[in-house]
Amino acid sequence: MIDGNPVIDFHGHPGRWGDSVNSPERVLPAMDAVGIDKAVLFNIWHPEGTRANDDTVALIAQAPDRFMGFAYVSPLMPEGMVAELERAVDQLGLVGIKLYPPFTNIKLNERPWFPIYEFANARRLPLLWHTGIEPENWPCYVGDVAPHFPDARFVCGHSGNCPPMREMAIEVARANENVFLETCSTFRTPGAIEELVNGAGADRVLFGSDIPLMDPRPQLGKILTADIDDDAKRLIIGQNALRLLDRG
């Protein structure tokens, strides 16, 4: 916690590209160093989802008070996609969905993704997309989808990353109450957090670090040092995440 406020990291990849790590030893020290109470983790390395989700659950089991998990599936393997989501949520206890369009070359507003959106809508789940400069990941596509699935909670991972895509993500969040912006980014543009808050509102912004691929200290630090009020910081570092993870 920071000053009595919970800190929830909404974006974590255990392991490295092409591999998975079922040990908390790489993640917990980084969380402890910066005061992160809980981290949302997901594994995107296996397109059928089964191995990825089993690995995520195995990691959570080693520190269940610190980790939460999102399910992963891919429209490249559509036959078992919904069944795997049912297994991951109903049997394994995962609490949201992570999608990674760069592995698919399928735009976020195209039909192969829709069964996932329908599932998230029916279960009132948060759904975290990777958004960025790649053509299949543009945040504007989130705006095409969000109005049709009002009970899903769509989160633009990285908030589009670079300035033009970030502006697009803000516009989509402003137009859709079920769209949120997550902050982890390799583009550390000064004033980015202020831009998100001023553009979309502090109640629509979520802290994420990309732990352990990126060091969470600067990712959290850019929020804590932003020129926004303390109430906004409390929302971003944890309170908004608690609200999204509440399926009531």
C-alpha atoms as a PDB file:
ATOM      1  CA  MET A   1       0.000   0.000   0.000  1.00  0.00           C
ATOM      2  CA  ILE A   2       0.954   3.644  -0.383  1.00  0.00           C
ATOM      3  CA  ASP A   3      -0.327   5.940   2.354  1.00  0.00           C
ATOM      4  CA  GLY A   4      -3.055   3.411   3.172  1.00  0.00           C
ATOM      5  CA  ASN A   5      -4.225   3.077  -0.424  1.00  0.00           C
ATOM      6  CA  PRO A   6      -4.152  -0.288  -2.232  1.00  0.00           C
ATOM      7  CA  VAL A   7      -1.838  -0.539  -5.232  1.00  0.00           C
ATOM      8  CA  ILE A   8      -2.987  -2.923  -7.960  1.00  0.00           C
ATOM      9  CA  ASP A   9      -0.885  -3.538 -11.048  1.00  0.00           C
ATOM     10  CA  PHE A  10      -3.250  -4.302 -13.930  1.00  0.00           C
ATOM     11  CA  HIS A  11      -0.640  -5.558 -16.415  1.00  0.00           C
ATOM     12  CA  GLY A  12       1.879  -8.336 -15.775  1.00  0.00           C
ATOM     13  CA  HIS A  13       3.565 -10.939 -17.995  1.00  0.00           C
ATOM     14  CA  PRO A  14       5.303 -13.634 -15.960  1.00  0.00           C
ATOM     15  CA  GLY A  15       8.254 -14.900 -17.932  1.00  0.00           C
ATOM     16  CA  ARG A  16       9.942 -13.698 -21.091  1.00  0.00           C
ATOM     17  CA  TRP A  17       9.162 -13.831 -24.796  1.00  0.00           C
ATOM     18  CA  GLY A  18       8.432 -17.398 -25.832  1.00  0.00           C
ATOM     19  CA  ASP A  19       8.784 -18.766 -22.314  1.00  0.00           C
ATOM     20  CA  SER A  20       6.865 -18.849 -19.048  1.00  0.00           C
ATOM     21  CA  VAL A  21       8.087 -18.745 -15.496  1.00  0.00           C
ATOM     22  CA  ASN A  22       6.067 -20.459 -12.776  1.00  0.00           C
ATOM     23  CA  SER A  23       8.016 -18.934  -9.926  1.00  0.00           C
ATOM     24  CA  PRO A  24       7.041 -15.758  -8.076  1.00  0.00           C
ATOM     25  CA  GLU A  25      10.684 -14.999  -7.384  1.00  0.00           C
ATOM     26  CA  ARG A  26      11.008 -12.690 -10.395  1.00  0.00           C
ATOM     27  CA  VAL A  27       7.801 -10.813  -9.672  1.00  0.00           C
ATOM     28  CA  LEU A  28       7.324 -10.430  -5.910  1.00  0.00           C
ATOM     29  CA  PRO A  29      10.608  -8.597  -5.170  1.00  0.00           C
ATOM     30  CA  ALA A  30       9.789  -6.018  -7.836  1.00  0.00           C
ATOM     31  CA  MET A  31       6.285  -5.611  -6.394  1.00  0.00           C
ATOM     32  CA  ASP A  32       7.609  -5.258  -2.852  1.00  0.00           C
ATOM     33  CA  ALA A  33      10.212  -2.688  -3.885  1.00  0.00           C
ATOM     34  CA  VAL A  34       7.522  -0.262  -4.992  1.00  0.00           C
ATOM     35  CA  GLY A  35       4.560  -1.133  -2.747  1.00  0.00           C
ATOM     36  CA  ILE A  36       2.368  -3.114  -5.154  1.00  0.00           C
ATOM     37  CA  ASP A  37      -0.175  -5.159  -3.203  1.00  0.00           C
ATOM     38  CA  LYS A  38      -1.571  -7.277  -6.037  1.00  0.00           C
ATOM     39  CA  ALA A  39      -0.726  -7.845  -9.688  1.00  0.00           C
ATOM     40  CA  VAL A  40      -2.865  -9.118 -12.549  1.00  0.00           C
ATOM     41  CA  LEU A  41      -0.855 -11.730 -14.474  1.00  0.00           C
ATOM     42  CA  PHE A  42      -1.415 -13.519 -17.765  1.00  0.00           C
ATOM     43  CA  ASN A  43       0.460 -15.779 -20.141  1.00  0.00           C
ATOM     44  CA  ILE A  44       0.173 -15.055 -23.875  1.00  0.00           C
ATOM     45  CA  TRP A  45       2.629 -17.614 -25.236  1.00  0.00           C
ATOM     46  CA  HIS A  46       0.267 -20.474 -26.209  1.00  0.00           C
ATOM     47  CA  PRO A  47      -2.530 -19.705 -28.715  1.00  0.00           C
ATOM     48  CA  GLU A  48      -4.858 -22.497 -27.647  1.00  0.00           C
ATOM     49  CA  GLY A  49      -4.919 -20.933 -24.180  1.00  0.00           C
ATOM     50  CA  THR A  50      -4.851 -24.171 -22.204  1.00  0.00           C
ATOM     51  CA  ARG A  51      -1.149 -24.259 -21.369  1.00  0.00           C
ATOM     52  CA  ALA A  52      -1.042 -20.498 -20.884  1.00  0.00           C
ATOM     53  CA  ASN A  53      -3.928 -20.481 -18.426  1.00  0.00           C
ATOM     54  CA  ASP A  54      -2.660 -23.524 -16.541  1.00  0.00           C
ATOM     55  CA  ASP A  55       0.700 -21.797 -16.133  1.00  0.00           C
ATOM     56  CA  THR A  56      -0.986 -18.652 -14.864  1.00  0.00           C
ATOM     57  CA  VAL A  57      -2.980 -20.598 -12.285  1.00  0.00           C
ATOM     58  CA  ALA A  58       0.122 -22.468 -11.142  1.00  0.00           C
ATOM     59  CA  LEU A  59       1.893 -19.183 -10.522  1.00  0.00           C
ATOM     60  CA  ILE A  60      -1.068 -17.662  -8.678  1.00  0.00           C
ATOM     61  CA  ALA A  61      -1.243 -20.710  -6.409  1.00  0.00           C
ATOM     62  CA  GLN A  62       2.218 -19.883  -5.062  1.00  0.00           C
ATOM     63  CA  ALA A  63       1.144 -16.416  -3.877  1.00  0.00           C
ATOM     64  CA  PRO A  64      -2.657 -16.242  -4.018  1.00  0.00           C
ATOM     65  CA  ASP A  65      -2.825 -13.180  -1.790  1.00  0.00           C
ATOM     66  CA  ARG A  66      -0.618 -11.222  -4.226  1.00  0.00           C
ATOM     67  CA  PHE A  67      -1.596 -12.446  -7.702  1.00  0.00           C
ATOM     68  CA  MET A  68      -4.759 -12.468  -9.813  1.00  0.00           C
ATOM     69  CA  GLY A  69      -5.006 -13.991 -13.264  1.00  0.00           C
ATOM     70  CA  PHE A  70      -6.557 -13.183 -16.630  1.00  0.00           C
ATOM     71  CA  ALA A  71      -7.421 -15.874 -19.162  1.00  0.00           C
ATOM     72  CA  TYR A  72      -5.787 -15.912 -22.590  1.00  0.00           C
ATOM     73  CA  VAL A  73      -7.201 -17.275 -25.850  1.00  0.00           C
ATOM     74  CA  SER A  74      -6.585 -16.497 -29.514  1.00  0.00           C
ATOM     75  CA  PRO A  75      -8.934 -16.344 -32.521  1.00  0.00           C
ATOM     76  CA  LEU A  76      -6.261 -18.207 -34.463  1.00  0.00           C
ATOM     77  CA  MET A  77      -7.663 -21.316 -32.770  1.00  0.00           C
ATOM     78  CA  PRO A  78     -11.397 -20.562 -32.728  1.00  0.00           C
ATOM     79  CA  GLU A  79     -12.770 -24.080 -32.250  1.00  0.00           C
ATOM     80  CA  GLY A  80     -12.008 -24.306 -28.547  1.00  0.00           C
ATOM     81  CA  MET A  81     -11.866 -20.609 -27.755  1.00  0.00           C
ATOM     82  CA  VAL A  82     -15.100 -20.187 -25.791  1.00  0.00           C
ATOM     83  CA  ALA A  83     -14.779 -23.577 -24.112  1.00  0.00           C
ATOM     84  CA  GLU A  84     -11.336 -22.596 -22.871  1.00  0.00           C
ATOM     85  CA  LEU A  85     -12.695 -19.306 -21.525  1.00  0.00           C
ATOM     86  CA  GLU A  86     -15.412 -21.220 -19.680  1.00  0.00           C
ATOM     87  CA  ARG A  87     -12.807 -23.529 -18.183  1.00  0.00           C
ATOM     88  CA  ALA A  88     -10.472 -20.690 -17.272  1.00  0.00           C
ATOM     89  CA  VAL A  89     -13.141 -18.585 -15.569  1.00  0.00           C
ATOM     90  CA  ASP A  90     -15.529 -21.170 -14.138  1.00  0.00           C
ATOM     91  CA  GLN A  91     -13.048 -23.869 -13.119  1.00  0.00           C
ATOM     92  CA  LEU A  92      -9.694 -22.138 -12.759  1.00  0.00           C
ATOM     93  CA  GLY A  93     -11.038 -18.933 -11.233  1.00  0.00           C
ATOM     94  CA  LEU A  94      -9.396 -16.414 -13.556  1.00  0.00           C
ATOM     95  CA  VAL A  95     -11.025 -13.000 -13.256  1.00  0.00           C
ATOM     96  CA  GLY A  96     -10.659 -11.359 -16.664  1.00  0.00           C
ATOM     97  CA  ILE A  97      -9.411 -11.813 -20.225  1.00  0.00           C
ATOM     98  CA  LYS A  98      -6.196 -10.730 -21.938  1.00  0.00           C
ATOM     99  CA  LEU A  99      -5.937 -10.435 -25.735  1.00  0.00           C
ATOM    100  CA  TYR A 100      -2.811  -9.892 -27.802  1.00  0.00           C
ATOM    101  CA  PRO A 101      -3.627  -8.925 -31.405  1.00  0.00           C
ATOM    102  CA  PRO A 102       0.022  -8.643 -32.602  1.00  0.00           C
ATOM    103  CA  PHE A 103       0.145 -12.444 -32.650  1.00  0.00           C
ATOM    104  CA  THR A 104      -2.907 -12.630 -34.947  1.00  0.00           C
ATOM    105  CA  ASN A 105      -2.896  -9.879 -37.607  1.00  0.00           C
ATOM    106  CA  ILE A 106      -6.632  -9.613 -36.951  1.00  0.00           C
ATOM    107  CA  LYS A 107      -7.976  -6.137 -36.212  1.00  0.00           C
ATOM    108  CA  LEU A 108      -9.735  -5.716 -32.891  1.00  0.00           C
ATOM    109  CA  ASN A 109     -13.035  -4.839 -34.565  1.00  0.00           C
ATOM    110  CA  GLU A 110     -13.129  -7.919 -36.798  1.00  0.00           C
ATOM    111  CA  ARG A 111     -15.552 -10.796 -36.310  1.00  0.00           C
ATOM    112  CA  PRO A 112     -13.118 -13.520 -35.134  1.00  0.00           C
ATOM    113  CA  TRP A 113     -12.802 -11.685 -31.801  1.00  0.00           C
ATOM    114  CA  PHE A 114     -16.535 -11.331 -31.211  1.00  0.00           C
ATOM    115  CA  PRO A 115     -17.174 -14.624 -29.356  1.00  0.00           C
ATOM    116  CA  ILE A 116     -14.647 -13.430 -26.768  1.00  0.00           C
ATOM    117  CA  TYR A 117     -16.397 -10.080 -26.441  1.00  0.00           C
ATOM    118  CA  GLU A 118     -19.756 -11.830 -26.070  1.00  0.00           C
ATOM    119  CA  PHE A 119     -18.330 -13.983 -23.284  1.00  0.00           C
ATOM    120  CA  ALA A 120     -16.882 -10.965 -21.479  1.00  0.00           C
ATOM    121  CA  ASN A 121     -20.165  -9.109 -21.852  1.00  0.00           C
ATOM    122  CA  ALA A 122     -22.220 -11.984 -20.446  1.00  0.00           C
ATOM    123  CA  ARG A 123     -19.899 -12.353 -17.438  1.00  0.00           C
ATOM    124  CA  ARG A 124     -19.259  -8.610 -16.909  1.00  0.00           C
ATOM    125  CA  LEU A 125     -15.531  -9.262 -17.152  1.00  0.00           C
ATOM    126  CA  PRO A 126     -12.665  -6.839 -17.686  1.00  0.00           C
ATOM    127  CA  LEU A 127     -10.942  -7.446 -20.980  1.00  0.00           C
ATOM    128  CA  LEU A 128      -7.438  -6.075 -21.491  1.00  0.00           C
ATOM    129  CA  TRP A 129      -6.258  -5.461 -25.051  1.00  0.00           C
ATOM    130  CA  HIS A 130      -2.775  -4.633 -26.200  1.00  0.00           C
ATOM    131  CA  THR A 131      -3.158  -1.344 -28.086  1.00  0.00           C
ATOM    132  CA  GLY A 132      -0.479   0.553 -29.961  1.00  0.00           C
ATOM    133  CA  ILE A 133       0.873   1.630 -33.320  1.00  0.00           C
ATOM    134  CA  GLU A 134       0.495  -1.736 -35.065  1.00  0.00           C
ATOM    135  CA  PRO A 135      -2.464  -1.556 -37.511  1.00  0.00           C
ATOM    136  CA  GLU A 136      -4.415  -4.361 -35.837  1.00  0.00           C
ATOM    137  CA  ASN A 137      -4.078  -2.692 -32.410  1.00  0.00           C
ATOM    138  CA  TRP A 138      -5.310   0.844 -32.975  1.00  0.00           C
ATOM    139  CA  PRO A 139      -7.484   2.039 -30.079  1.00  0.00           C
ATOM    140  CA  CYS A 140     -10.129   3.359 -32.486  1.00  0.00           C
ATOM    141  CA  TYR A 141     -11.173  -0.242 -33.087  1.00  0.00           C
ATOM    142  CA  VAL A 142     -12.072  -0.501 -29.407  1.00  0.00           C
ATOM    143  CA  GLY A 143     -14.551   2.275 -30.047  1.00  0.00           C
ATOM    144  CA  ASP A 144     -16.154   0.212 -32.803  1.00  0.00           C
ATOM    145  CA  VAL A 145     -16.717  -2.688 -30.411  1.00  0.00           C
ATOM    146  CA  ALA A 146     -17.435  -1.244 -26.963  1.00  0.00           C
ATOM    147  CA  PRO A 147     -20.973   0.095 -27.635  1.00  0.00           C
ATOM    148  CA  HIS A 148     -22.139  -3.360 -28.708  1.00  0.00           C
ATOM    149  CA  PHE A 149     -20.973  -5.054 -25.478  1.00  0.00           C
ATOM    150  CA  PRO A 150     -21.941  -2.571 -22.742  1.00  0.00           C
ATOM    151  CA  ASP A 151     -21.468  -4.965 -19.800  1.00  0.00           C
ATOM    152  CA  ALA A 152     -17.874  -5.833 -20.687  1.00  0.00           C
ATOM    153  CA  ARG A 153     -15.142  -3.566 -19.315  1.00  0.00           C
ATOM    154  CA  PHE A 154     -12.663  -2.874 -22.105  1.00  0.00           C
ATOM    155  CA  VAL A 155      -9.164  -1.770 -21.091  1.00  0.00           C
ATOM    156  CA  CYS A 156      -6.758  -0.280 -23.638  1.00  0.00           C
ATOM    157  CA  GLY A 157      -3.387  -1.670 -22.589  1.00  0.00           C
ATOM    158  CA  HIS A 158      -0.615   0.941 -22.820  1.00  0.00           C
ATOM    159  CA  SER A 159      -3.297   3.546 -23.699  1.00  0.00           C
ATOM    160  CA  GLY A 160      -2.065   3.263 -27.270  1.00  0.00           C
ATOM    161  CA  ASN A 161       1.580   3.802 -26.228  1.00  0.00           C
ATOM    162  CA  CYS A 162       2.748   6.674 -28.461  1.00  0.00           C
ATOM    163  CA  PRO A 163       1.148  10.152 -28.600  1.00  0.00           C
ATOM    164  CA  PRO A 164      -1.085   9.757 -31.720  1.00  0.00           C
ATOM    165  CA  MET A 165      -2.497   6.448 -30.494  1.00  0.00           C
ATOM    166  CA  ARG A 166      -2.829   7.813 -26.957  1.00  0.00           C
ATOM    167  CA  GLU A 167      -5.015  10.635 -28.284  1.00  0.00           C
ATOM    168  CA  MET A 168      -7.115   8.029 -30.071  1.00  0.00           C
ATOM    169  CA  ALA A 169      -7.490   5.986 -26.868  1.00  0.00           C
ATOM    170  CA  ILE A 170      -8.603   9.059 -24.924  1.00  0.00           C
ATOM    171  CA  GLU A 171     -11.227   9.848 -27.538  1.00  0.00           C
ATOM    172  CA  VAL A 172     -12.587   6.287 -27.364  1.00  0.00           C
ATOM    173  CA  ALA A 173     -12.731   6.320 -23.552  1.00  0.00           C
ATOM    174  CA  ARG A 174     -14.478   9.683 -23.547  1.00  0.00           C
ATOM    175  CA  ALA A 175     -17.154   8.314 -25.880  1.00  0.00           C
ATOM    176  CA  ASN A 176     -17.697   4.958 -24.093  1.00  0.00           C
ATOM    177  CA  GLU A 177     -18.266   4.520 -20.361  1.00  0.00           C
ATOM    178  CA  ASN A 178     -17.042   0.912 -20.483  1.00  0.00           C
ATOM    179  CA  VAL A 179     -13.590   1.793 -21.888  1.00  0.00           C
ATOM    180  CA  PHE A 180     -10.599   2.346 -19.591  1.00  0.00           C
ATOM    181  CA  LEU A 181      -6.991   3.342 -20.169  1.00  0.00           C
ATOM    182  CA  GLU A 182      -4.041   1.469 -18.674  1.00  0.00           C
ATOM    183  CA  THR A 183      -0.756   3.250 -18.170  1.00  0.00           C
ATOM    184  CA  CYS A 184       2.250   0.967 -18.763  1.00  0.00           C
ATOM    185  CA  SER A 185       4.334   2.131 -21.686  1.00  0.00           C
ATOM    186  CA  THR A 186       7.828   2.125 -23.117  1.00  0.00           C
ATOM    187  CA  PHE A 187       7.067   5.672 -24.313  1.00  0.00           C
ATOM    188  CA  ARG A 188       7.731   7.792 -21.230  1.00  0.00           C
ATOM    189  CA  THR A 189       6.467  11.051 -22.659  1.00  0.00           C
ATOM    190  CA  PRO A 190       6.445  13.772 -19.978  1.00  0.00           C
ATOM    191  CA  GLY A 191       2.872  14.692 -19.127  1.00  0.00           C
ATOM    192  CA  ALA A 192       1.312  11.463 -20.427  1.00  0.00           C
ATOM    193  CA  ILE A 193      -0.550  10.734 -17.175  1.00  0.00           C
ATOM    194  CA  GLU A 194      -1.852  14.284 -17.011  1.00  0.00           C
ATOM    195  CA  GLU A 195      -3.027  13.915 -20.604  1.00  0.00           C
ATOM    196  CA  LEU A 196      -4.956  10.734 -19.810  1.00  0.00           C
ATOM    197  CA  VAL A 197      -6.587  12.209 -16.709  1.00  0.00           C
ATOM    198  CA  ASN A 198      -7.460  15.534 -18.303  1.00  0.00           C
ATOM    199  CA  GLY A 199      -8.776  13.842 -21.396  1.00  0.00           C
ATOM    200  CA  ALA A 200     -10.736  10.862 -20.066  1.00  0.00           C
ATOM    201  CA  GLY A 201     -11.025  11.449 -16.298  1.00  0.00           C
ATOM    202  CA  ALA A 202      -9.133   9.907 -13.414  1.00  0.00           C
ATOM    203  CA  ASP A 203     -11.888   7.317 -12.886  1.00  0.00           C
ATOM    204  CA  ARG A 204     -11.046   5.801 -16.292  1.00  0.00           C
ATOM    205  CA  VAL A 205      -7.295   5.294 -15.813  1.00  0.00           C
ATOM    206  CA  LEU A 206      -5.583   2.177 -14.388  1.00  0.00           C
ATOM    207  CA  PHE A 207      -2.020   1.652 -13.231  1.00  0.00           C
ATOM    208  CA  GLY A 208      -0.109  -1.075 -15.053  1.00  0.00           C
ATOM    209  CA  SER A 209       3.613  -1.782 -15.187  1.00  0.00           C
ATOM    210  CA  ASP A 210       4.231  -4.696 -17.616  1.00  0.00           C
ATOM    211  CA  ILE A 211       5.994  -6.445 -14.724  1.00  0.00           C
ATOM    212  CA  PRO A 212       8.533  -8.108 -14.976  1.00  0.00           C
ATOM    213  CA  LEU A 213       9.233  -7.108 -18.575  1.00  0.00           C
ATOM    214  CA  MET A 214       9.528  -3.531 -17.318  1.00  0.00           C
ATOM    215  CA  ASP A 215      10.608  -2.143 -13.964  1.00  0.00           C
ATOM    216  CA  PRO A 216       7.483  -1.090 -12.031  1.00  0.00           C
ATOM    217  CA  ARG A 217       9.271   1.740 -10.225  1.00  0.00           C
ATOM    218  CA  PRO A 218       9.229   4.310 -13.061  1.00  0.00           C
ATOM    219  CA  GLN A 219       5.834   3.050 -14.185  1.00  0.00           C
ATOM    220  CA  LEU A 220       4.308   3.827 -10.787  1.00  0.00           C
ATOM    221  CA  GLY A 221       6.523   6.844 -10.245  1.00  0.00           C
ATOM    222  CA  LYS A 222       5.153   8.659 -13.272  1.00  0.00           C
ATOM    223  CA  ILE A 223       1.692   8.475 -11.652  1.00  0.00           C
ATOM    224  CA  LEU A 224       2.793   9.470  -8.156  1.00  0.00           C
ATOM    225  CA  THR A 225       4.743  12.459  -9.498  1.00  0.00           C
ATOM    226  CA  ALA A 226       2.121  13.547 -12.030  1.00  0.00           C
ATOM    227  CA  ASP A 227       0.552  16.978 -11.733  1.00  0.00           C
ATOM    228  CA  ILE A 228      -2.834  15.606 -10.677  1.00  0.00           C
ATOM    229  CA  ASP A 229      -4.529  15.686  -7.279  1.00  0.00           C
ATOM    230  CA  ASP A 230      -4.183  12.975  -4.651  1.00  0.00           C
ATOM    231  CA  ASP A 231      -7.734  11.698  -5.164  1.00  0.00           C
ATOM    232  CA  ALA A 232      -6.929  11.056  -8.824  1.00  0.00           C
ATOM    233  CA  LYS A 233      -3.772   9.179  -7.866  1.00  0.00           C
ATOM    234  CA  ARG A 234      -5.721   6.978  -5.430  1.00  0.00           C
ATOM    235  CA  LEU A 235      -8.170   6.061  -8.177  1.00  0.00           C
ATOM    236  CA  ILE A 236      -5.459   5.225 -10.674  1.00  0.00           C
ATOM    237  CA  ILE A 237      -3.165   3.159  -8.462  1.00  0.00           C
ATOM    238  CA  GLY A 238      -5.866   0.880  -7.101  1.00  0.00           C
ATOM    239  CA  GLN A 239      -9.429   2.015  -6.593  1.00  0.00           C
ATOM    240  CA  ASN A 240     -10.422   1.846 -10.262  1.00  0.00           C
ATOM    241  CA  ALA A 241      -9.007  -1.667 -10.545  1.00  0.00           C
ATOM    242  CA  LEU A 242     -11.036  -2.829  -7.559  1.00  0.00           C
ATOM    243  CA  ARG A 243     -14.152  -1.467  -9.216  1.00  0.00           C
ATOM    244  CA  LEU A 244     -13.450  -3.209 -12.525  1.00  0.00           C
ATOM    245  CA  LEU A 245     -12.707  -6.525 -10.849  1.00  0.00           C
ATOM    246  CA  ASP A 246     -16.031  -6.395  -8.981  1.00  0.00           C
ATOM    247  CA  ARG A 247     -18.497  -8.299 -11.139  1.00  0.00           C
ATOM    248  CA  GLY A 248     -21.541  -7.087  -9.227  1.00  0.00           C
END
